N, C-alpha and C. Protein backbone atom coordinates (compact mmCIF):
# COMPACT_ATOMS: atom_id res chain seq x y z
N MET A 1 -152.11 23.23 206.83
CA MET A 1 -152.53 24.02 205.68
C MET A 1 -151.70 23.63 204.45
N ARG A 2 -152.37 23.38 203.36
CA ARG A 2 -151.68 23.06 202.10
C ARG A 2 -151.42 24.37 201.36
N HIS A 3 -150.19 24.56 200.96
CA HIS A 3 -149.83 25.77 200.24
C HIS A 3 -150.01 25.59 198.74
N VAL A 4 -149.77 24.39 198.24
CA VAL A 4 -149.83 24.09 196.81
C VAL A 4 -150.56 22.76 196.64
N THR A 5 -151.44 22.70 195.65
CA THR A 5 -152.16 21.46 195.40
C THR A 5 -151.44 20.62 194.35
N LEU A 6 -151.82 19.36 194.28
CA LEU A 6 -151.27 18.47 193.26
C LEU A 6 -151.64 18.96 191.85
N VAL A 7 -152.85 19.48 191.70
CA VAL A 7 -153.28 19.99 190.39
C VAL A 7 -152.41 21.16 189.97
N GLU A 8 -152.11 22.06 190.90
CA GLU A 8 -151.24 23.20 190.56
C GLU A 8 -149.86 22.72 190.11
N ILE A 9 -149.36 21.72 190.78
CA ILE A 9 -148.06 21.16 190.41
C ILE A 9 -148.15 20.47 189.05
N PHE A 10 -149.13 19.58 188.91
CA PHE A 10 -149.25 18.76 187.71
C PHE A 10 -149.44 19.60 186.45
N THR A 11 -150.22 20.66 186.53
CA THR A 11 -150.54 21.45 185.35
C THR A 11 -149.50 22.51 185.01
N HIS A 12 -148.53 22.71 185.88
CA HIS A 12 -147.49 23.71 185.61
C HIS A 12 -146.67 23.27 184.40
N PRO A 13 -146.33 24.19 183.50
CA PRO A 13 -145.57 23.82 182.28
C PRO A 13 -144.25 23.09 182.55
N ILE A 14 -143.55 23.45 183.59
CA ILE A 14 -142.29 22.77 183.91
C ILE A 14 -142.57 21.32 184.30
N ALA A 15 -143.56 21.10 185.14
CA ALA A 15 -143.92 19.73 185.53
C ALA A 15 -144.37 18.95 184.31
N GLN A 16 -145.17 19.56 183.47
CA GLN A 16 -145.66 18.86 182.27
C GLN A 16 -144.51 18.44 181.36
N LYS A 17 -143.54 19.30 181.18
CA LYS A 17 -142.39 18.98 180.33
C LYS A 17 -141.70 17.70 180.80
N TYR A 18 -141.41 17.63 182.08
CA TYR A 18 -140.65 16.49 182.60
C TYR A 18 -141.51 15.28 182.94
N LEU A 19 -142.75 15.49 183.33
CA LEU A 19 -143.63 14.35 183.59
C LEU A 19 -143.96 13.63 182.29
N THR A 20 -144.10 14.39 181.21
CA THR A 20 -144.33 13.78 179.91
C THR A 20 -143.14 12.91 179.52
N ARG A 21 -141.95 13.38 179.81
CA ARG A 21 -140.73 12.64 179.48
C ARG A 21 -140.65 11.33 180.27
N SER A 22 -140.98 11.37 181.54
CA SER A 22 -140.81 10.19 182.39
C SER A 22 -142.07 9.34 182.50
N GLY A 23 -143.20 9.84 182.00
CA GLY A 23 -144.43 9.06 181.98
C GLY A 23 -145.49 9.57 182.94
N ILE A 24 -146.52 10.19 182.39
CA ILE A 24 -147.61 10.72 183.21
C ILE A 24 -148.34 9.60 183.93
N ALA A 25 -148.63 8.50 183.24
CA ALA A 25 -149.35 7.40 183.88
C ALA A 25 -148.57 6.87 185.08
N HIS A 26 -147.26 6.75 184.93
CA HIS A 26 -146.42 6.29 186.04
C HIS A 26 -146.47 7.29 187.20
N ALA A 27 -146.34 8.57 186.92
CA ALA A 27 -146.35 9.58 187.97
C ALA A 27 -147.67 9.56 188.75
N VAL A 28 -148.78 9.47 188.04
CA VAL A 28 -150.09 9.45 188.69
C VAL A 28 -150.25 8.17 189.52
N SER A 29 -149.85 7.05 188.96
CA SER A 29 -149.96 5.78 189.69
C SER A 29 -149.11 5.78 190.96
N VAL A 30 -147.91 6.29 190.86
CA VAL A 30 -147.03 6.33 192.03
C VAL A 30 -147.60 7.27 193.09
N ALA A 31 -148.22 8.37 192.68
CA ALA A 31 -148.85 9.28 193.65
C ALA A 31 -149.98 8.57 194.39
N TYR A 32 -150.77 7.77 193.69
CA TYR A 32 -151.84 7.00 194.35
C TYR A 32 -151.26 5.95 195.29
N HIS A 33 -150.22 5.26 194.86
CA HIS A 33 -149.56 4.29 195.76
C HIS A 33 -149.04 5.00 197.01
N ALA A 34 -148.46 6.18 196.82
CA ALA A 34 -147.92 6.94 197.96
C ALA A 34 -149.02 7.34 198.92
N PHE A 35 -150.17 7.69 198.41
CA PHE A 35 -151.29 8.04 199.30
C PHE A 35 -151.63 6.84 200.18
N ARG A 36 -151.81 5.69 199.54
CA ARG A 36 -152.15 4.46 200.29
C ARG A 36 -151.07 4.13 201.32
N LEU A 37 -149.83 4.19 200.89
CA LEU A 37 -148.71 3.86 201.78
C LEU A 37 -148.54 4.90 202.90
N SER A 38 -148.87 6.15 202.62
CA SER A 38 -148.75 7.19 203.65
C SER A 38 -149.69 6.90 204.81
N VAL A 39 -150.86 6.37 204.51
CA VAL A 39 -151.80 6.00 205.57
C VAL A 39 -151.24 4.84 206.38
N GLN A 40 -150.71 3.83 205.69
CA GLN A 40 -150.15 2.65 206.37
C GLN A 40 -148.96 3.00 207.25
N HIS A 41 -148.15 3.95 206.81
CA HIS A 41 -146.91 4.30 207.52
C HIS A 41 -147.02 5.58 208.35
N ASN A 42 -148.23 6.12 208.46
CA ASN A 42 -148.48 7.33 209.23
C ASN A 42 -147.57 8.48 208.79
N VAL A 43 -147.53 8.70 207.48
CA VAL A 43 -146.73 9.76 206.87
C VAL A 43 -147.68 10.79 206.29
N ASN A 44 -147.30 12.05 206.32
CA ASN A 44 -148.13 13.11 205.78
C ASN A 44 -148.45 12.84 204.31
N PRO A 45 -149.74 12.66 203.98
CA PRO A 45 -150.12 12.31 202.61
C PRO A 45 -149.88 13.45 201.61
N ASP A 46 -149.90 14.67 202.07
CA ASP A 46 -149.64 15.81 201.18
C ASP A 46 -148.20 15.75 200.67
N LEU A 47 -147.27 15.56 201.58
CA LEU A 47 -145.86 15.48 201.19
C LEU A 47 -145.59 14.23 200.36
N ALA A 48 -146.18 13.11 200.76
CA ALA A 48 -145.95 11.84 200.07
C ALA A 48 -146.45 11.88 198.63
N THR A 49 -147.65 12.40 198.42
CA THR A 49 -148.20 12.41 197.06
C THR A 49 -147.48 13.41 196.17
N LYS A 50 -147.07 14.52 196.72
CA LYS A 50 -146.30 15.50 195.93
C LYS A 50 -144.95 14.93 195.52
N ALA A 51 -144.26 14.32 196.47
CA ALA A 51 -142.95 13.72 196.15
C ALA A 51 -143.12 12.59 195.14
N ALA A 52 -144.15 11.78 195.30
CA ALA A 52 -144.38 10.67 194.38
C ALA A 52 -144.72 11.18 192.98
N LEU A 53 -145.56 12.19 192.90
CA LEU A 53 -145.92 12.74 191.59
C LEU A 53 -144.68 13.24 190.86
N LEU A 54 -143.77 13.87 191.59
CA LEU A 54 -142.60 14.50 190.97
C LEU A 54 -141.34 13.63 191.00
N HIS A 55 -141.42 12.41 191.49
CA HIS A 55 -140.21 11.63 191.77
C HIS A 55 -139.31 11.40 190.56
N ASP A 56 -139.84 11.41 189.36
CA ASP A 56 -139.03 11.14 188.17
C ASP A 56 -138.82 12.34 187.25
N ILE A 57 -139.03 13.55 187.75
CA ILE A 57 -138.88 14.71 186.86
C ILE A 57 -137.43 15.02 186.50
N GLY A 58 -136.52 14.28 187.05
CA GLY A 58 -135.11 14.46 186.71
C GLY A 58 -134.62 13.54 185.61
N HIS A 59 -135.52 12.77 185.03
CA HIS A 59 -135.11 11.81 184.00
C HIS A 59 -134.49 12.47 182.78
N TYR A 60 -133.44 11.85 182.33
CA TYR A 60 -132.80 12.18 181.07
C TYR A 60 -133.15 11.04 180.13
N GLU A 61 -133.29 11.31 178.86
CA GLU A 61 -133.66 10.26 177.90
C GLU A 61 -132.40 9.57 177.40
N TRP A 62 -132.24 8.31 177.77
CA TRP A 62 -131.08 7.50 177.36
C TRP A 62 -131.44 6.68 176.14
N TYR A 63 -130.87 7.03 175.01
CA TYR A 63 -131.16 6.33 173.75
C TYR A 63 -129.88 5.85 173.08
N THR A 64 -129.99 4.74 172.36
CA THR A 64 -128.93 4.23 171.50
C THR A 64 -129.59 3.90 170.17
N ASN A 65 -129.10 4.51 169.12
CA ASN A 65 -129.66 4.30 167.77
C ASN A 65 -131.17 4.54 167.74
N GLY A 66 -131.62 5.58 168.44
CA GLY A 66 -133.04 5.95 168.43
C GLY A 66 -133.93 5.10 169.30
N GLN A 67 -133.38 4.15 170.05
CA GLN A 67 -134.17 3.27 170.91
C GLN A 67 -133.78 3.49 172.38
N TRP A 68 -134.79 3.44 173.25
CA TRP A 68 -134.54 3.55 174.69
C TRP A 68 -133.57 2.46 175.09
N ASP A 69 -132.51 2.85 175.81
CA ASP A 69 -131.47 1.92 176.23
C ASP A 69 -131.52 1.81 177.75
N TYR A 70 -132.28 0.82 178.23
CA TYR A 70 -132.49 0.66 179.66
C TYR A 70 -131.17 0.39 180.39
N GLU A 71 -130.31 -0.40 179.79
CA GLU A 71 -129.03 -0.71 180.44
C GLU A 71 -128.16 0.53 180.56
N LYS A 72 -128.14 1.36 179.55
CA LYS A 72 -127.38 2.62 179.60
C LYS A 72 -127.95 3.52 180.71
N TYR A 73 -129.27 3.54 180.80
CA TYR A 73 -129.93 4.29 181.88
C TYR A 73 -129.48 3.76 183.24
N ARG A 74 -129.55 2.45 183.43
CA ARG A 74 -129.20 1.86 184.72
C ARG A 74 -127.74 2.14 185.09
N GLN A 75 -126.86 2.20 184.13
CA GLN A 75 -125.44 2.41 184.39
C GLN A 75 -125.07 3.88 184.61
N ASN A 76 -125.81 4.80 184.01
CA ASN A 76 -125.37 6.19 183.96
C ASN A 76 -126.31 7.23 184.57
N ASP A 77 -127.53 6.86 184.84
CA ASP A 77 -128.52 7.86 185.22
C ASP A 77 -128.37 8.35 186.67
N ILE A 78 -128.61 9.63 186.86
CA ILE A 78 -128.63 10.23 188.21
C ILE A 78 -129.91 11.08 188.33
N HIS A 79 -131.02 10.57 187.78
CA HIS A 79 -132.24 11.36 187.71
C HIS A 79 -132.76 11.81 189.07
N ALA A 80 -132.50 11.07 190.11
CA ALA A 80 -133.00 11.46 191.43
C ALA A 80 -132.34 12.75 191.92
N ILE A 81 -131.08 12.93 191.57
CA ILE A 81 -130.37 14.15 191.96
C ILE A 81 -130.95 15.34 191.22
N LYS A 82 -131.06 15.23 189.91
CA LYS A 82 -131.61 16.31 189.10
C LYS A 82 -133.08 16.55 189.45
N GLY A 83 -133.82 15.49 189.68
CA GLY A 83 -135.23 15.61 190.01
C GLY A 83 -135.47 16.32 191.32
N ALA A 84 -134.64 16.04 192.32
CA ALA A 84 -134.78 16.72 193.61
C ALA A 84 -134.61 18.22 193.44
N GLU A 85 -133.62 18.61 192.66
CA GLU A 85 -133.36 20.03 192.42
C GLU A 85 -134.51 20.67 191.65
N ARG A 86 -134.98 20.01 190.59
CA ARG A 86 -136.08 20.56 189.80
C ARG A 86 -137.36 20.69 190.63
N ALA A 87 -137.65 19.66 191.40
CA ALA A 87 -138.86 19.68 192.23
C ALA A 87 -138.80 20.79 193.26
N HIS A 88 -137.67 20.94 193.92
CA HIS A 88 -137.52 21.98 194.93
C HIS A 88 -137.75 23.35 194.32
N LYS A 89 -137.11 23.60 193.20
CA LYS A 89 -137.24 24.90 192.53
C LYS A 89 -138.70 25.15 192.12
N LEU A 90 -139.33 24.14 191.54
CA LEU A 90 -140.73 24.28 191.12
C LEU A 90 -141.65 24.53 192.31
N LEU A 91 -141.49 23.77 193.37
CA LEU A 91 -142.34 23.92 194.54
C LEU A 91 -142.19 25.30 195.18
N ILE A 92 -140.97 25.78 195.29
CA ILE A 92 -140.74 27.12 195.85
C ILE A 92 -141.39 28.16 194.94
N ARG A 93 -141.22 28.01 193.64
CA ARG A 93 -141.83 28.93 192.66
C ARG A 93 -143.34 28.97 192.81
N LEU A 94 -143.95 27.82 193.07
CA LEU A 94 -145.40 27.75 193.21
C LEU A 94 -145.90 28.24 194.57
N GLY A 95 -145.00 28.45 195.53
CA GLY A 95 -145.40 28.96 196.83
C GLY A 95 -145.48 27.92 197.93
N GLU A 96 -144.89 26.77 197.71
CA GLU A 96 -144.87 25.74 198.75
C GLU A 96 -144.08 26.24 199.96
N GLU A 97 -144.47 25.79 201.12
CA GLU A 97 -143.75 26.13 202.35
C GLU A 97 -142.34 25.57 202.20
N PRO A 98 -141.30 26.38 202.46
CA PRO A 98 -139.92 25.94 202.19
C PRO A 98 -139.50 24.63 202.86
N GLN A 99 -139.90 24.40 204.09
CA GLN A 99 -139.52 23.15 204.76
C GLN A 99 -140.20 21.96 204.10
N ALA A 100 -141.43 22.13 203.68
CA ALA A 100 -142.13 21.06 202.96
C ALA A 100 -141.45 20.78 201.63
N ALA A 101 -141.07 21.84 200.93
CA ALA A 101 -140.37 21.67 199.64
C ALA A 101 -139.07 20.91 199.84
N LYS A 102 -138.37 21.20 200.92
CA LYS A 102 -137.11 20.50 201.21
C LYS A 102 -137.37 19.02 201.48
N GLU A 103 -138.38 18.71 202.30
CA GLU A 103 -138.69 17.31 202.62
C GLU A 103 -139.09 16.53 201.37
N ILE A 104 -139.87 17.16 200.51
CA ILE A 104 -140.29 16.53 199.26
C ILE A 104 -139.07 16.27 198.38
N ALA A 105 -138.19 17.28 198.26
CA ALA A 105 -136.99 17.13 197.44
C ALA A 105 -136.09 16.01 197.97
N LEU A 106 -135.95 15.91 199.28
CA LEU A 106 -135.13 14.84 199.86
C LEU A 106 -135.73 13.46 199.59
N ALA A 107 -137.06 13.37 199.62
CA ALA A 107 -137.71 12.09 199.31
C ALA A 107 -137.47 11.71 197.85
N ILE A 108 -137.48 12.69 196.97
CA ILE A 108 -137.19 12.44 195.56
C ILE A 108 -135.73 12.01 195.40
N LEU A 109 -134.84 12.69 196.08
CA LEU A 109 -133.41 12.37 196.02
C LEU A 109 -133.15 10.91 196.42
N LEU A 110 -133.90 10.43 197.40
CA LEU A 110 -133.63 9.10 197.96
C LEU A 110 -134.63 8.03 197.53
N HIS A 111 -135.42 8.29 196.48
CA HIS A 111 -136.41 7.29 196.05
C HIS A 111 -135.79 6.10 195.32
N THR A 112 -134.54 6.24 194.93
CA THR A 112 -133.82 5.14 194.28
C THR A 112 -132.38 5.18 194.76
N ASP A 113 -131.77 4.01 194.76
CA ASP A 113 -130.35 3.98 195.14
C ASP A 113 -129.50 3.60 193.93
N SER A 114 -130.06 3.70 192.74
CA SER A 114 -129.35 3.27 191.53
C SER A 114 -128.09 4.07 191.26
N TYR A 115 -128.01 5.28 191.77
CA TYR A 115 -126.83 6.13 191.53
C TYR A 115 -125.86 6.13 192.70
N LEU A 116 -126.20 5.43 193.78
CA LEU A 116 -125.37 5.44 194.98
C LEU A 116 -124.37 4.29 194.96
N PRO A 117 -123.24 4.46 195.64
CA PRO A 117 -122.31 3.34 195.80
C PRO A 117 -122.99 2.22 196.59
N GLU A 118 -122.44 1.04 196.51
CA GLU A 118 -123.01 -0.10 197.23
C GLU A 118 -123.17 0.23 198.71
N GLY A 119 -124.20 -0.31 199.28
CA GLY A 119 -124.46 -0.07 200.69
C GLY A 119 -125.89 0.39 200.87
N THR A 120 -126.29 0.54 202.10
CA THR A 120 -127.65 0.97 202.38
C THR A 120 -127.61 2.32 203.08
N ILE A 121 -128.68 3.03 202.90
CA ILE A 121 -128.83 4.31 203.59
C ILE A 121 -130.07 4.22 204.47
N HIS A 122 -130.05 4.96 205.53
CA HIS A 122 -131.21 5.01 206.42
C HIS A 122 -132.20 6.02 205.85
N GLN A 123 -133.40 5.57 205.57
CA GLN A 123 -134.42 6.45 205.04
C GLN A 123 -135.43 6.82 206.10
N ARG A 124 -135.84 8.08 206.08
CA ARG A 124 -136.93 8.52 206.95
C ARG A 124 -138.24 7.98 206.38
N PRO A 125 -139.31 7.96 207.16
CA PRO A 125 -140.57 7.36 206.70
C PRO A 125 -141.10 7.93 205.37
N LEU A 126 -141.06 9.24 205.18
CA LEU A 126 -141.53 9.83 203.92
C LEU A 126 -140.70 9.31 202.75
N GLN A 127 -139.41 9.26 202.92
CA GLN A 127 -138.51 8.79 201.86
C GLN A 127 -138.80 7.33 201.53
N LYS A 128 -139.05 6.53 202.54
CA LYS A 128 -139.35 5.11 202.35
C LYS A 128 -140.67 4.93 201.60
N VAL A 129 -141.67 5.72 201.96
CA VAL A 129 -142.98 5.63 201.30
C VAL A 129 -142.85 5.93 199.80
N VAL A 130 -142.09 6.95 199.44
CA VAL A 130 -141.94 7.31 198.03
C VAL A 130 -141.19 6.20 197.29
N LYS A 131 -140.17 5.64 197.90
CA LYS A 131 -139.43 4.53 197.29
C LYS A 131 -140.34 3.32 197.08
N LEU A 132 -141.11 2.96 198.10
CA LEU A 132 -142.04 1.83 197.99
C LEU A 132 -143.12 2.08 196.94
N ALA A 133 -143.62 3.30 196.88
CA ALA A 133 -144.65 3.65 195.90
C ALA A 133 -144.12 3.50 194.48
N ASP A 134 -142.89 3.95 194.26
CA ASP A 134 -142.27 3.82 192.95
C ASP A 134 -142.08 2.34 192.61
N GLU A 135 -141.58 1.58 193.54
CA GLU A 135 -141.36 0.15 193.31
C GLU A 135 -142.67 -0.59 193.03
N ALA A 136 -143.77 -0.14 193.63
CA ALA A 136 -145.06 -0.79 193.43
C ALA A 136 -145.56 -0.64 191.99
N ASP A 137 -145.05 0.35 191.27
CA ASP A 137 -145.52 0.60 189.91
C ASP A 137 -144.51 0.21 188.84
N GLU A 138 -143.35 -0.28 189.24
CA GLU A 138 -142.31 -0.61 188.26
C GLU A 138 -142.67 -1.81 187.41
N GLU A 139 -142.18 -1.77 186.18
CA GLU A 139 -142.31 -2.90 185.25
C GLU A 139 -140.93 -3.21 184.71
N PRO A 140 -140.66 -4.46 184.34
CA PRO A 140 -139.33 -4.82 183.82
C PRO A 140 -138.92 -3.95 182.64
N GLY A 141 -137.63 -3.63 182.60
CA GLY A 141 -137.08 -2.88 181.48
C GLY A 141 -137.54 -1.44 181.40
N GLY A 142 -138.08 -0.90 182.47
CA GLY A 142 -138.52 0.50 182.46
C GLY A 142 -139.82 0.75 181.72
N LYS A 143 -140.57 -0.31 181.43
CA LYS A 143 -141.80 -0.16 180.65
C LYS A 143 -142.84 0.72 181.33
N HIS A 144 -142.76 0.87 182.65
CA HIS A 144 -143.72 1.71 183.36
C HIS A 144 -143.65 3.17 182.91
N HIS A 145 -142.53 3.57 182.34
CA HIS A 145 -142.39 4.95 181.86
C HIS A 145 -143.10 5.18 180.53
N TYR A 146 -143.56 4.12 179.91
CA TYR A 146 -144.15 4.24 178.58
C TYR A 146 -145.64 3.93 178.52
N ARG A 147 -146.24 3.66 179.68
CA ARG A 147 -147.71 3.53 179.69
C ARG A 147 -148.31 4.89 179.36
N GLU A 148 -149.41 4.88 178.67
CA GLU A 148 -150.05 6.12 178.24
C GLU A 148 -151.23 6.45 179.15
N MET A 149 -151.47 7.74 179.33
CA MET A 149 -152.67 8.22 180.01
C MET A 149 -153.00 9.56 179.39
N GLU A 150 -154.24 9.70 178.98
CA GLU A 150 -154.69 10.96 178.40
C GLU A 150 -154.61 12.08 179.45
N TYR A 151 -154.22 13.26 179.02
CA TYR A 151 -154.02 14.40 179.91
C TYR A 151 -155.27 14.68 180.74
N ASN A 152 -156.46 14.71 180.11
CA ASN A 152 -157.69 15.04 180.84
C ASN A 152 -158.00 14.00 181.91
N LEU A 153 -157.72 12.74 181.62
CA LEU A 153 -157.93 11.69 182.63
C LEU A 153 -156.93 11.87 183.78
N ALA A 154 -155.70 12.20 183.45
CA ALA A 154 -154.70 12.43 184.49
C ALA A 154 -155.11 13.58 185.40
N VAL A 155 -155.58 14.68 184.82
CA VAL A 155 -156.03 15.82 185.63
C VAL A 155 -157.19 15.40 186.53
N LYS A 156 -158.12 14.64 185.98
CA LYS A 156 -159.26 14.17 186.79
C LYS A 156 -158.77 13.32 187.96
N LYS A 157 -157.84 12.41 187.71
CA LYS A 157 -157.31 11.55 188.78
C LYS A 157 -156.54 12.37 189.82
N ILE A 158 -155.79 13.37 189.37
CA ILE A 158 -155.04 14.22 190.29
C ILE A 158 -156.01 15.04 191.15
N LYS A 159 -157.08 15.53 190.56
CA LYS A 159 -158.09 16.28 191.34
C LYS A 159 -158.70 15.38 192.40
N GLU A 160 -159.01 14.13 192.03
CA GLU A 160 -159.57 13.17 192.99
C GLU A 160 -158.58 12.91 194.13
N LEU A 161 -157.31 12.78 193.78
CA LEU A 161 -156.29 12.54 194.80
C LEU A 161 -156.13 13.76 195.70
N ASP A 162 -156.17 14.96 195.13
CA ASP A 162 -156.13 16.19 195.94
C ASP A 162 -157.25 16.18 196.97
N LYS A 163 -158.44 15.78 196.55
CA LYS A 163 -159.59 15.74 197.46
C LYS A 163 -159.35 14.73 198.59
N LYS A 164 -158.81 13.55 198.25
CA LYS A 164 -158.53 12.53 199.27
C LYS A 164 -157.49 13.03 200.28
N VAL A 165 -156.46 13.67 199.77
CA VAL A 165 -155.41 14.20 200.65
C VAL A 165 -156.00 15.24 201.59
N LEU A 166 -156.78 16.16 201.05
CA LEU A 166 -157.38 17.21 201.86
C LEU A 166 -158.29 16.63 202.95
N GLU A 167 -159.10 15.65 202.58
CA GLU A 167 -159.98 15.01 203.56
C GLU A 167 -159.18 14.36 204.68
N LEU A 168 -158.11 13.68 204.31
CA LEU A 168 -157.28 13.02 205.32
C LEU A 168 -156.58 14.04 206.22
N LEU A 169 -156.09 15.11 205.64
CA LEU A 169 -155.44 16.15 206.45
C LEU A 169 -156.43 16.81 207.41
N HIS A 170 -157.65 17.02 206.94
CA HIS A 170 -158.67 17.64 207.80
C HIS A 170 -159.15 16.71 208.90
N SER A 171 -158.90 15.43 208.75
CA SER A 171 -159.29 14.49 209.80
C SER A 171 -158.35 14.59 211.00
N ASN A 172 -157.32 15.48 210.87
CA ASN A 172 -156.34 15.70 211.93
C ASN A 172 -155.54 14.45 212.27
N GLN A 173 -155.52 13.51 211.36
CA GLN A 173 -154.78 12.27 211.60
C GLN A 173 -153.28 12.48 211.39
N PHE A 174 -152.91 13.51 210.62
CA PHE A 174 -151.52 13.70 210.27
C PHE A 174 -151.08 15.11 210.61
N LYS A 175 -149.86 15.24 211.07
CA LYS A 175 -149.30 16.56 211.27
C LYS A 175 -148.84 17.10 209.92
N GLN A 176 -148.60 18.38 209.81
CA GLN A 176 -148.29 18.99 208.51
C GLN A 176 -146.93 18.60 207.96
N LEU A 177 -145.92 18.46 208.77
CA LEU A 177 -144.60 18.09 208.27
C LEU A 177 -144.15 16.79 208.91
N GLY A 178 -143.35 16.03 208.16
CA GLY A 178 -142.78 14.82 208.74
C GLY A 178 -143.20 13.58 208.04
């Protein structure tokens, strides 16, 4: 059973504030990549698409002299930490099942290793899917955050993705958590 839809998340004012900052087109694209990858990796598509949609809501705007400073971002940003907290709080507020909200937040926390010390971490399948989905949409210099998408088109695409997720969940191919 889905407690919260992608549309409910996407249209919430808190999500809109931060998704606009990090790029709506990127968020929608990563959610679609996560759906595709969730099927390939046998991961719950509901959790994967929600985590992918929200993966960058922790972004801070790094500017130097009024211009986006990608290098400053790469050296100083911890958006995955802030994003995991924001996503968890938003999902709980919207009525998401607490364990699902936790799994989504952990996938957001681990979607990038840019803030971690050198070394590798073991990722669970959901976390790996979100990381791969994000990487599939990246462009050099962070340009993926600046692609434009009209709000109404984004809502239409999110509604379509909600329908795909629901159909896949009803096919009983995936368990609710994990």
